[in-house]
Amino acid sequence: MPRIKKGKRGSNKCSLRHEVLQLQLSAKGPLSLKVGRNGVKGESAASDDELASDVLSHYSSASESASVVDEATGGGGEPVDEQTAQEETEDKLKQCIDNLMDKSAKTRRAALDSLGGAFSSKLLYDFLIERRLTVSDCLERSLRKGGGEEQAAAATVCAQLCVQLGGGDEGEEGFKILRPVLSAIMIDGCASVAARQSCARALGMCCYISAAEDGEDLVKSMSHLESVFTMSYPNREGTLPTPNAGAPGLHSAALHAWALLVTLCPASRITVLLDLHLPKLQACLESSDVNYRIAVGETIALLVELGRDIDREFEFEDSDTLCECLKGLATDGNKHRAKNDRRKQRSIFREVLHYIENEDFSEEKIRFGVEGIYIDSWMRRRVYDAFKEVLESGVRHHLQFNPLLRDIFGLGPPLILDSSVKSSKISRFEKHLFNSAAFKARTKLRNKVRDKRADVM
């Protein structure tokens, strides 16, 4: 997927206000300023006070959007400050990359945490495109030789790196390097549970982004993920195995990653997966771990949704038993479960039950900047949740500016807004129609790619 190169970002709100005030008010003579909790107050004449208020008002609205800041720094000394800040950021990132090769495990771990925070909160495509192989090699070294905590952190950074590079040749190149070691750690029973869980999540995300048109990598990744979560399936006698410590979390991560990749499969493959996994997953609703039960319930709803997309008359063979089980979980009041667990479980399984019985989905809107997306299907929820798990609080920033996420959710190129455009908002209904039309168009395009993958699978 072609990447849209992003411009450099402006400085922060406080420095921007301070510099602009100095430039705008210098011609008026000395002005004593007091910085208070509610803004900047002048002690000079009323005209200067009004001028300061006007300047702050304009640049306060501009600084809310990075795109507006880019436009606002066209003159004066701001471009120099912006360039300096950019250079300082890049110097710190270069030092973090160097520290990934340090002998000290503590230093390497700190570098991974710093890179993870930067990859989550910023767009660094231009910086990383020249260093992607170096970073990939360092991450591979941490995965192969690091301890459990270092492996878990490195796997998370692998997923974030793929989000930064996007689905083009660069992202695919990195995935080819990292996929074997991610898979090896995930299926290694002797490895740290936290590392295996993080590798499962990273494998699903990297494959979703970078192997969208490669059926062979998709099949291998799904097979490895299946080998993990199917360990929770009932045995021949129909009895669920007793999970080891940490196993439910690992099974949940692998199942969620697998469900994400199922959305890429062609119709012929989905039909096979429905027959193979739905009966086993229904049995796993009796698991003793609430989070794994929830992961299973969400995956069942997703598989049923995909089945109905293929055939509107699709119906699960044992749907009556399934609905009875879902009703029990949606009204579970067992006192031996934690109160928060009961509340969370009832909420999720009410949604699953309503969809299975009536095809009713509880729509959710995610806002970011002046935009928003509607989560109006189980597939769309699984995709959004997967990116949220990897990017955490930075997911909204990436929805605003990352071409990869904007393409996946049908948002188009990143918006460049000024104050007049920002104040002119379209209605919620119009946004919903636009998002729905864009998502349908993208689904049709992905279906064409699925047809190509069907020959491989």
Protein backbone atom coordinates (compact mmCIF):
# COMPACT_ATOMS: atom_id res chain seq x y z
CA MET A 1 0.00 0.00 0.00
CA PRO A 2 1.56 3.34 -0.90
CA ARG A 3 2.40 5.46 2.08
CA ILE A 4 1.66 9.15 2.39
CA LYS A 5 4.65 10.85 3.88
CA LYS A 6 3.78 13.04 6.82
CA GLY A 7 5.13 16.52 7.40
CA LYS A 8 7.00 17.46 10.52
CA ARG A 9 4.97 18.20 13.61
CA GLY A 10 4.80 21.52 15.40
CA SER A 11 5.96 22.30 18.91
CA ASN A 12 3.76 21.98 21.96
CA LYS A 13 0.91 24.30 22.89
CA CYS A 14 2.71 26.25 25.62
CA SER A 15 5.85 27.08 23.62
CA LEU A 16 3.74 27.95 20.58
CA ARG A 17 1.67 30.45 22.57
CA HIS A 18 4.73 31.99 24.16
CA GLU A 19 6.62 32.46 20.88
CA VAL A 20 3.61 33.88 19.04
CA LEU A 21 2.92 36.38 21.84
CA GLN A 22 6.50 37.57 21.72
CA LEU A 23 6.36 38.06 17.94
CA GLN A 24 2.96 39.75 17.92
CA LEU A 25 3.50 42.03 20.92
CA SER A 26 7.12 43.06 20.45
CA ALA A 27 6.07 46.11 18.39
CA LYS A 28 3.86 47.35 21.26
CA GLY A 29 6.71 47.84 23.69
CA PRO A 30 7.49 45.94 26.90
CA LEU A 31 4.63 43.90 28.24
CA SER A 32 4.72 42.20 31.61
CA LEU A 33 3.00 38.82 31.56
CA LYS A 34 1.72 36.63 34.37
CA VAL A 35 1.10 33.00 33.58
CA GLY A 36 -1.83 31.65 35.58
CA ARG A 37 -3.84 28.44 35.69
CA ASN A 38 -6.40 29.80 33.21
CA GLY A 39 -4.08 31.21 30.58
CA VAL A 40 -1.88 34.31 30.06
CA LYS A 41 -2.79 37.70 31.50
CA GLY A 42 -1.14 41.03 30.61
CA GLU A 43 -0.61 43.92 32.98
CA SER A 44 -0.35 46.63 30.28
CA ALA A 45 -2.99 48.72 28.51
CA ALA A 46 -6.33 47.28 27.42
CA SER A 47 -5.39 47.31 23.74
CA ASP A 48 -2.38 45.09 24.37
CA ASP A 49 -4.53 42.80 26.50
CA GLU A 50 -7.07 42.46 23.71
CA LEU A 51 -4.36 41.76 21.18
CA ALA A 52 -2.88 39.05 23.39
CA SER A 53 -6.33 37.54 23.85
CA ASP A 54 -6.93 37.49 20.10
CA VAL A 55 -3.58 35.87 19.38
CA LEU A 56 -4.06 33.22 22.08
CA SER A 57 -7.57 32.47 20.90
CA HIS A 58 -6.42 31.90 17.32
CA TYR A 59 -3.42 29.75 18.17
CA SER A 60 -5.22 27.81 20.89
CA SER A 61 -7.67 26.47 18.32
CA ALA A 62 -4.87 25.88 15.85
CA SER A 63 -2.75 23.86 18.27
CA GLU A 64 -5.53 21.30 18.83
CA SER A 65 -4.69 19.72 15.50
CA ALA A 66 -1.18 18.87 14.34
CA SER A 67 -2.20 19.58 10.73
CA VAL A 68 -3.23 23.11 11.68
CA VAL A 69 0.05 23.64 13.51
CA ASP A 70 1.89 22.65 10.35
CA GLU A 71 0.14 25.44 8.48
CA ALA A 72 0.54 27.95 11.31
CA THR A 73 4.35 27.65 11.37
CA GLY A 74 4.88 29.08 7.93
CA GLY A 75 6.76 32.22 9.02
CA GLY A 76 8.88 33.76 11.75
CA GLY A 77 11.17 31.60 13.83
CA GLU A 78 8.78 28.68 14.31
CA PRO A 79 10.18 26.42 11.52
CA VAL A 80 13.58 26.57 13.20
CA ASP A 81 12.10 25.53 16.54
CA GLU A 82 10.16 22.75 14.87
CA GLN A 83 13.24 21.47 13.11
CA THR A 84 15.21 21.57 16.35
CA ALA A 85 12.52 19.60 18.18
CA GLN A 86 12.40 17.07 15.34
CA GLU A 87 16.16 16.65 15.41
CA GLU A 88 16.14 16.16 19.20
CA THR A 89 13.42 13.52 18.90
CA GLU A 90 15.36 11.68 16.18
CA ASP A 91 18.56 11.83 18.22
CA LYS A 92 16.78 10.21 21.16
CA LEU A 93 15.34 7.50 18.91
CA LYS A 94 18.76 6.82 17.42
CA GLN A 95 20.16 6.43 20.92
CA CYS A 96 17.35 3.99 21.78
CA ILE A 97 18.15 1.92 18.68
CA ASP A 98 21.82 1.86 19.67
CA ASN A 99 20.86 0.79 23.18
CA LEU A 100 19.01 -2.24 21.78
CA MET A 101 22.47 -3.72 21.14
CA ASP A 102 23.79 -2.95 24.62
CA LYS A 103 25.13 -5.78 26.79
CA SER A 104 22.95 -4.77 29.72
CA ALA A 105 19.49 -6.36 29.71
CA LYS A 106 18.19 -3.42 31.77
CA THR A 107 19.40 -0.93 29.14
CA ARG A 108 17.85 -2.94 26.31
CA ARG A 109 14.53 -3.17 28.16
CA ALA A 110 14.48 0.59 28.78
CA ALA A 111 15.20 1.19 25.09
CA LEU A 112 12.32 -1.10 24.08
CA ASP A 113 9.94 0.73 26.41
CA SER A 114 11.01 4.10 25.00
CA LEU A 115 10.62 2.93 21.40
CA GLY A 116 7.23 1.42 22.22
CA GLY A 117 6.01 4.71 23.64
CA ALA A 118 7.27 6.65 20.62
CA PHE A 119 5.84 4.19 18.07
CA SER A 120 2.48 4.32 19.82
CA SER A 121 2.15 8.10 20.07
CA LYS A 122 3.87 9.39 16.92
CA LEU A 123 4.10 8.71 13.19
CA LEU A 124 7.73 7.94 12.37
CA TYR A 125 7.57 6.46 8.88
CA ASP A 126 10.17 8.80 7.35
CA PHE A 127 12.59 8.12 10.20
CA LEU A 128 12.07 4.34 10.23
CA ILE A 129 12.08 3.69 6.49
CA GLU A 130 15.88 4.11 6.40
CA ARG A 131 16.43 2.10 9.59
CA ARG A 132 13.81 -0.63 9.32
CA LEU A 133 16.29 -3.46 8.75
CA THR A 134 18.49 -2.33 11.65
CA VAL A 135 15.50 -2.12 13.99
CA SER A 136 14.17 -5.48 12.77
CA ASP A 137 17.54 -7.15 13.37
CA CYS A 138 17.74 -5.68 16.88
CA LEU A 139 14.22 -6.85 17.71
CA GLU A 140 15.01 -10.32 16.39
CA ARG A 141 18.10 -10.44 18.61
CA SER A 142 16.05 -9.46 21.67
CA LEU A 143 13.47 -12.11 20.85
CA ARG A 144 16.06 -14.86 20.42
CA LYS A 145 18.44 -14.04 23.28
CA GLY A 146 16.49 -11.91 25.76
CA GLY A 147 14.67 -12.97 28.89
CA GLY A 148 10.91 -13.27 29.19
CA GLU A 149 10.22 -9.59 29.90
CA GLU A 150 12.53 -8.45 27.11
CA GLN A 151 10.91 -10.87 24.67
CA ALA A 152 7.42 -9.63 25.57
CA ALA A 153 8.43 -5.99 25.10
CA ALA A 154 10.24 -6.74 21.83
CA ALA A 155 7.20 -8.56 20.41
CA THR A 156 5.00 -5.55 21.17
CA VAL A 157 7.46 -3.22 19.42
CA CYS A 158 7.45 -5.62 16.43
CA ALA A 159 3.71 -5.12 16.04
CA GLN A 160 4.05 -1.35 16.43
CA LEU A 161 6.83 -1.32 13.83
CA CYS A 162 4.53 -3.02 11.33
CA VAL A 163 1.84 -0.42 12.04
CA GLN A 164 4.39 2.33 11.39
CA LEU A 165 5.69 0.83 8.12
CA GLY A 166 2.25 -0.08 6.78
CA GLY A 167 1.25 -2.82 4.40
CA GLY A 168 3.71 -2.09 1.60
CA ASP A 169 6.92 -3.85 0.66
CA GLU A 170 8.73 -2.41 3.70
CA GLY A 171 6.26 -3.92 6.16
CA GLU A 172 6.24 -7.26 4.37
CA GLU A 173 10.05 -7.32 4.41
CA GLY A 174 10.09 -6.85 8.19
CA PHE A 175 7.41 -9.49 8.69
CA LYS A 176 9.44 -12.06 6.73
CA ILE A 177 12.30 -11.51 9.18
CA LEU A 178 10.24 -11.61 12.36
CA ARG A 179 7.51 -14.19 11.65
CA PRO A 180 9.65 -17.32 12.24
CA VAL A 181 10.94 -16.18 15.65
CA LEU A 182 7.52 -14.89 16.78
CA SER A 183 5.98 -18.25 15.89
CA ALA A 184 8.79 -20.22 17.52
CA ILE A 185 8.46 -18.42 20.87
CA MET A 186 4.66 -18.61 20.83
CA ILE A 187 4.56 -22.39 20.45
CA ASP A 188 7.51 -23.00 22.83
CA GLY A 189 6.07 -24.48 26.02
CA CYS A 190 9.24 -23.61 27.93
CA ALA A 191 9.12 -19.90 27.08
CA SER A 192 7.67 -17.25 29.40
CA VAL A 193 3.86 -17.11 29.28
CA ALA A 194 3.97 -13.31 28.99
CA ALA A 195 6.38 -13.56 26.06
CA ARG A 196 4.24 -16.20 24.31
CA GLN A 197 1.13 -14.08 24.80
CA SER A 198 2.82 -10.98 23.40
CA CYS A 199 4.20 -12.95 20.44
CA ALA A 200 0.72 -14.30 19.63
CA ARG A 201 -0.69 -10.78 19.57
CA ALA A 202 2.21 -9.51 17.45
CA LEU A 203 2.00 -12.41 15.01
CA GLY A 204 -1.68 -11.74 14.37
CA MET A 205 -1.19 -8.00 13.88
CA CYS A 206 1.92 -8.27 11.69
CA CYS A 207 0.32 -10.92 9.51
CA TYR A 208 -2.90 -8.91 9.17
CA ILE A 209 -0.95 -5.85 7.97
CA SER A 210 1.87 -7.38 5.96
CA ALA A 211 0.58 -10.68 4.57
CA ALA A 212 -2.83 -9.55 3.30
CA GLU A 213 -2.11 -10.88 -0.18
CA ASP A 214 0.18 -13.76 0.77
CA GLY A 215 -1.93 -16.86 1.34
CA GLU A 216 1.04 -18.99 2.37
CA ASP A 217 2.09 -16.75 5.28
CA LEU A 218 -1.54 -16.43 6.32
CA VAL A 219 -2.02 -20.20 6.45
CA LYS A 220 1.20 -20.73 8.44
CA SER A 221 0.38 -18.02 10.97
CA MET A 222 -3.17 -19.25 11.50
CA SER A 223 -1.94 -22.81 11.90
CA HIS A 224 0.53 -21.80 14.61
CA LEU A 225 -2.13 -19.81 16.45
CA GLU A 226 -4.55 -22.73 16.25
CA SER A 227 -1.95 -25.03 17.78
CA VAL A 228 -1.99 -22.79 20.87
CA PHE A 229 -5.66 -22.09 21.60
CA THR A 230 -6.93 -25.53 20.58
CA MET A 231 -5.12 -26.83 23.68
CA SER A 232 -8.16 -25.50 25.55
CA TYR A 233 -10.59 -27.60 23.47
CA PRO A 234 -12.38 -30.53 25.13
CA ASN A 235 -10.81 -33.99 24.88
CA ARG A 236 -12.42 -37.03 23.29
CA GLU A 237 -14.57 -37.57 26.35
CA GLY A 238 -15.88 -34.01 26.04
CA THR A 239 -14.09 -32.80 29.17
CA LEU A 240 -12.28 -29.47 29.23
CA PRO A 241 -8.61 -29.74 30.30
CA THR A 242 -7.47 -28.12 33.54
CA PRO A 243 -5.54 -25.00 32.50
CA ASN A 244 -2.03 -24.31 33.75
CA ALA A 245 -1.15 -20.99 35.34
CA GLY A 246 -1.34 -18.24 32.73
CA ALA A 247 -2.74 -20.54 30.05
CA PRO A 248 -6.16 -18.82 29.70
CA GLY A 249 -4.47 -15.48 28.95
CA LEU A 250 -2.29 -17.12 26.31
CA HIS A 251 -5.26 -18.94 24.78
CA SER A 252 -7.25 -15.69 24.68
CA ALA A 253 -4.43 -13.81 22.93
CA ALA A 254 -3.98 -16.58 20.36
CA LEU A 255 -7.73 -16.87 19.75
CA HIS A 256 -8.14 -13.12 19.27
CA ALA A 257 -5.18 -13.02 16.86
CA TRP A 258 -6.58 -15.99 14.94
CA ALA A 259 -10.02 -14.36 14.74
CA LEU A 260 -8.39 -11.23 13.29
CA LEU A 261 -6.78 -13.32 10.54
CA VAL A 262 -10.03 -15.18 9.82
CA THR A 263 -11.44 -11.88 8.51
CA LEU A 264 -8.87 -12.14 5.67
CA CYS A 265 -9.82 -15.66 4.60
CA PRO A 266 -11.79 -16.44 1.42
CA ALA A 267 -15.35 -17.75 1.70
CA SER A 268 -14.34 -21.34 0.94
CA ARG A 269 -11.87 -21.37 3.83
CA ILE A 270 -14.29 -19.68 6.24
CA THR A 271 -16.87 -22.39 5.58
CA VAL A 272 -14.33 -25.06 6.59
CA LEU A 273 -13.35 -23.14 9.72
CA LEU A 274 -16.98 -22.76 10.78
CA ASP A 275 -17.59 -26.51 10.65
CA LEU A 276 -14.32 -27.27 12.41
CA HIS A 277 -14.26 -24.72 15.24
CA LEU A 278 -17.79 -23.62 16.14
CA PRO A 279 -18.76 -26.84 18.00
CA LYS A 280 -15.46 -26.85 19.94
CA LEU A 281 -15.71 -23.18 20.81
CA GLN A 282 -19.23 -23.69 22.12
CA ALA A 283 -17.87 -26.24 24.58
CA CYS A 284 -15.21 -23.72 25.70
CA LEU A 285 -17.96 -21.39 26.95
CA GLU A 286 -17.84 -23.56 30.08
CA SER A 287 -14.23 -22.50 30.76
CA SER A 288 -13.42 -21.47 34.33
CA ASP A 289 -11.68 -18.25 33.20
CA VAL A 290 -14.00 -15.29 32.57
CA ASN A 291 -11.70 -13.53 30.09
CA TYR A 292 -11.30 -16.65 28.01
CA ARG A 293 -15.08 -17.21 28.03
CA ILE A 294 -15.53 -13.67 26.75
CA ALA A 295 -12.90 -14.18 24.02
CA VAL A 296 -14.69 -17.38 22.95
CA GLY A 297 -18.08 -15.66 22.90
CA GLU A 298 -16.81 -12.78 20.76
CA THR A 299 -15.14 -15.22 18.35
CA ILE A 300 -18.36 -17.25 18.01
CA ALA A 301 -20.28 -14.07 17.16
CA LEU A 302 -17.62 -13.11 14.58
CA LEU A 303 -17.68 -16.55 12.93
CA VAL A 304 -21.48 -16.52 12.74
CA GLU A 305 -21.36 -13.03 11.22
CA LEU A 306 -18.87 -14.17 8.56
CA GLY A 307 -21.05 -17.22 7.87
CA ARG A 308 -24.09 -14.99 7.35
CA ASP A 309 -22.07 -12.74 5.03
CA ILE A 310 -21.42 -15.78 2.85
CA ASP A 311 -24.94 -17.22 3.13
CA ARG A 312 -27.83 -15.18 4.51
CA GLU A 313 -29.55 -18.41 5.53
CA PHE A 314 -26.57 -19.62 7.55
CA GLU A 315 -27.61 -21.21 10.84
CA PHE A 316 -25.47 -23.02 13.39
CA GLU A 317 -26.60 -26.64 13.67
CA ASP A 318 -26.95 -26.66 17.45
CA SER A 319 -28.11 -23.05 17.74
CA ASP A 320 -30.76 -23.81 20.38
CA THR A 321 -28.18 -25.24 22.77
CA LEU A 322 -25.82 -22.39 22.00
CA CYS A 323 -28.50 -19.78 22.78
CA GLU A 324 -29.37 -21.49 26.05
CA CYS A 325 -25.72 -21.43 27.07
CA LEU A 326 -25.42 -17.76 26.09
CA LYS A 327 -28.54 -16.90 28.10
CA GLY A 328 -27.04 -18.55 31.15
CA LEU A 329 -23.83 -16.52 30.82
CA ALA A 330 -25.77 -13.31 30.11
CA THR A 331 -27.68 -13.71 33.40
CA ASP A 332 -24.95 -15.36 35.47
CA GLY A 333 -25.26 -14.35 39.12
CA ASN A 334 -22.94 -16.86 40.77
CA LYS A 335 -21.55 -15.31 43.92
CA HIS A 336 -18.25 -17.15 43.65
CA ARG A 337 -17.34 -14.95 40.67
CA ALA A 338 -16.02 -11.43 41.23
CA LYS A 339 -18.64 -8.71 40.86
CA ASN A 340 -16.77 -6.91 38.07
CA ASP A 341 -16.27 -10.20 36.22
CA ARG A 342 -19.98 -10.96 36.41
CA ARG A 343 -20.89 -7.49 35.15
CA LYS A 344 -18.43 -7.65 32.25
CA GLN A 345 -19.50 -11.16 31.28
CA ARG A 346 -23.21 -10.35 31.34
CA SER A 347 -22.69 -7.25 29.18
CA ILE A 348 -20.68 -9.06 26.48
CA PHE A 349 -22.88 -12.15 26.32
CA ARG A 350 -26.07 -10.08 26.10
CA GLU A 351 -24.61 -8.55 22.93
CA VAL A 352 -23.57 -11.97 21.59
CA LEU A 353 -26.99 -13.45 22.32
CA HIS A 354 -28.86 -10.55 20.68
CA TYR A 355 -26.75 -10.93 17.55
CA ILE A 356 -27.14 -14.72 17.33
CA GLU A 357 -30.91 -14.51 17.82
CA ASN A 358 -31.82 -11.25 16.06
CA GLU A 359 -28.70 -10.09 14.18
CA ASP A 360 -28.77 -7.05 16.45
CA PHE A 361 -25.41 -5.32 17.09
CA SER A 362 -24.85 -2.55 19.65
CA GLU A 363 -23.25 0.22 17.63
CA GLU A 364 -20.39 2.20 19.15
CA LYS A 365 -18.78 5.44 17.98
CA ILE A 366 -15.06 6.14 18.39
CA ARG A 367 -14.25 9.86 18.24
CA PHE A 368 -10.86 11.36 17.37
CA GLY A 369 -10.33 15.01 16.50
CA VAL A 370 -13.30 16.20 14.44
CA GLU A 371 -13.83 12.71 12.99
CA GLY A 372 -15.24 9.44 14.19
CA ILE A 373 -15.79 5.84 13.12
CA TYR A 374 -18.74 3.58 13.85
CA ILE A 375 -18.08 0.09 15.19
CA ASP A 376 -21.17 -1.57 13.72
CA SER A 377 -20.15 -5.20 13.25
CA TRP A 378 -18.18 -7.90 15.05
CA MET A 379 -15.52 -7.88 12.34
CA ARG A 380 -15.03 -4.14 12.66
CA ARG A 381 -14.84 -4.46 16.45
CA ARG A 382 -12.21 -7.20 16.27
CA VAL A 383 -10.06 -5.11 13.94
CA TYR A 384 -10.35 -1.98 16.09
CA ASP A 385 -9.69 -3.90 19.33
CA ALA A 386 -6.58 -5.48 17.80
CA PHE A 387 -5.07 -2.08 16.96
CA LYS A 388 -6.09 -0.73 20.36
CA GLU A 389 -4.27 -3.60 22.10
CA VAL A 390 -1.08 -2.77 20.20
CA LEU A 391 -1.22 1.05 20.19
CA GLU A 392 -3.08 1.53 23.49
CA SER A 393 -3.82 5.25 24.06
CA GLY A 394 -2.14 6.19 20.76
CA VAL A 395 -4.80 4.49 18.63
CA ARG A 396 -6.78 7.73 18.19
CA HIS A 397 -3.69 9.60 17.00
CA HIS A 398 -3.03 6.89 14.42
CA LEU A 399 -6.67 6.95 13.32
CA GLN A 400 -6.25 10.67 12.64
CA PHE A 401 -2.94 10.59 10.79
CA ASN A 402 -1.76 7.05 9.92
CA PRO A 403 -2.65 6.22 6.27
CA LEU A 404 -2.72 2.49 7.10
CA LEU A 405 -5.47 2.74 9.72
CA ARG A 406 -7.36 5.33 7.71
CA ASP A 407 -7.37 2.96 4.74
CA ILE A 408 -8.48 -0.01 6.83
CA PHE A 409 -11.39 1.93 8.33
CA GLY A 410 -12.29 3.71 5.09
CA LEU A 411 -11.46 7.23 6.30
CA GLY A 412 -9.52 8.45 3.26
CA PRO A 413 -6.36 10.60 3.41
CA PRO A 414 -5.59 12.45 6.67
CA LEU A 415 -7.54 15.68 7.02
CA ILE A 416 -5.88 19.09 6.97
CA LEU A 417 -8.22 21.50 8.72
CA ASP A 418 -8.26 25.19 9.52
CA SER A 419 -10.47 26.79 12.13
CA SER A 420 -13.31 27.58 9.71
CA VAL A 421 -13.49 23.97 8.49
CA LYS A 422 -13.26 22.63 12.03
CA SER A 423 -16.27 24.66 13.13
CA SER A 424 -18.39 23.31 10.27
CA LYS A 425 -19.49 19.84 11.35
CA ILE A 426 -21.59 17.36 9.39
CA SER A 427 -24.40 15.54 11.08
CA ARG A 428 -23.98 12.21 12.84
CA PHE A 429 -26.25 10.52 10.29
CA GLU A 430 -24.16 11.81 7.37
CA LYS A 431 -20.97 10.57 9.04
CA HIS A 432 -22.57 7.17 9.60
CA LEU A 433 -23.62 6.92 5.93
CA PHE A 434 -20.14 7.90 4.79
CA ASN A 435 -18.40 5.40 7.08
CA SER A 436 -20.76 2.60 6.07
CA ALA A 437 -20.29 3.27 2.35
CA ALA A 438 -16.51 3.44 2.71
CA PHE A 439 -16.41 0.20 4.71
CA LYS A 440 -18.58 -1.62 2.17
CA ALA A 441 -16.34 -0.43 -0.67
CA ARG A 442 -13.26 -1.64 1.14
CA THR A 443 -14.90 -5.00 1.91
CA LYS A 444 -15.60 -5.52 -1.80
CA LEU A 445 -11.97 -4.76 -2.58
CA ARG A 446 -10.74 -7.18 0.09
CA ASN A 447 -13.09 -9.86 -1.27
CA LYS A 448 -11.26 -9.66 -4.58
CA VAL A 449 -7.99 -10.27 -2.76
CA ARG A 450 -9.60 -13.17 -0.87
CA ASP A 451 -10.48 -14.78 -4.20
CA LYS A 452 -6.81 -14.66 -5.13
CA ARG A 453 -5.81 -16.20 -1.79
CA ALA A 454 -8.38 -18.95 -2.16
CA ASP A 455 -6.21 -20.58 -4.84
CA VAL A 456 -3.34 -20.82 -2.33
CA MET A 457 -5.43 -21.96 0.63
